[in-house]
Amino acid sequence: MKKLLILAVALAGFTTTSQANTLFEAKEDAIEYRKAAFQLIRYQIGDMGDMMKGKVPFDAKRFAERANNAAQLSAMPWEAFIEGSDKGDTDALPAIWSDRETFDKKAQAFAQYAQELAVAASSGDKKVIGPAFKNWAKGCKDCHKSFKD
């Protein structure tokens, strides 16, 4: 039930860091929340990536559903990078907190790329989807390079 409540709060939209601090009872909750969000994102990108690479047949309807999920999910983890959640069971690097401006810009770009992917996916055309998918995947990798262990 606790996880569902956290998810419902997250779906309400972006929050500021100070607001996010009040969404989590403990720093461990913030870490668990963002890990869960990233795991769901990983599932979406994996399935779409397999379709784009031809590992599984391309299904435009399923791809669009995954892209829509990704657009919603890509806005979620950022609120859980609260003060003090750099300690514990996390792969988050200290650079998140020491270079928060860059981190926030990359997070916003990642979420924007996901929105653009959802729009492209609605076309059902792999030629339109491909560049949007690559941008979103690149946004993911860009953040990992600087901010994930």
Foldseek 3Di string as FASTA:
>chain_A
DLLVVLVVVQLVFDDDQVVLVVSDPDLVRLQVNLVVLVVLLVVLLVVLVCCLVVVDPDDLVSNLVSLVVNLSSLRGSPNSPHPPNVDDPFQWDCCCVVVVVVLVVLSVQLSVLSVCLSVQSVVSDSVSNVVSSVSNVVSVVVCCVPTGD
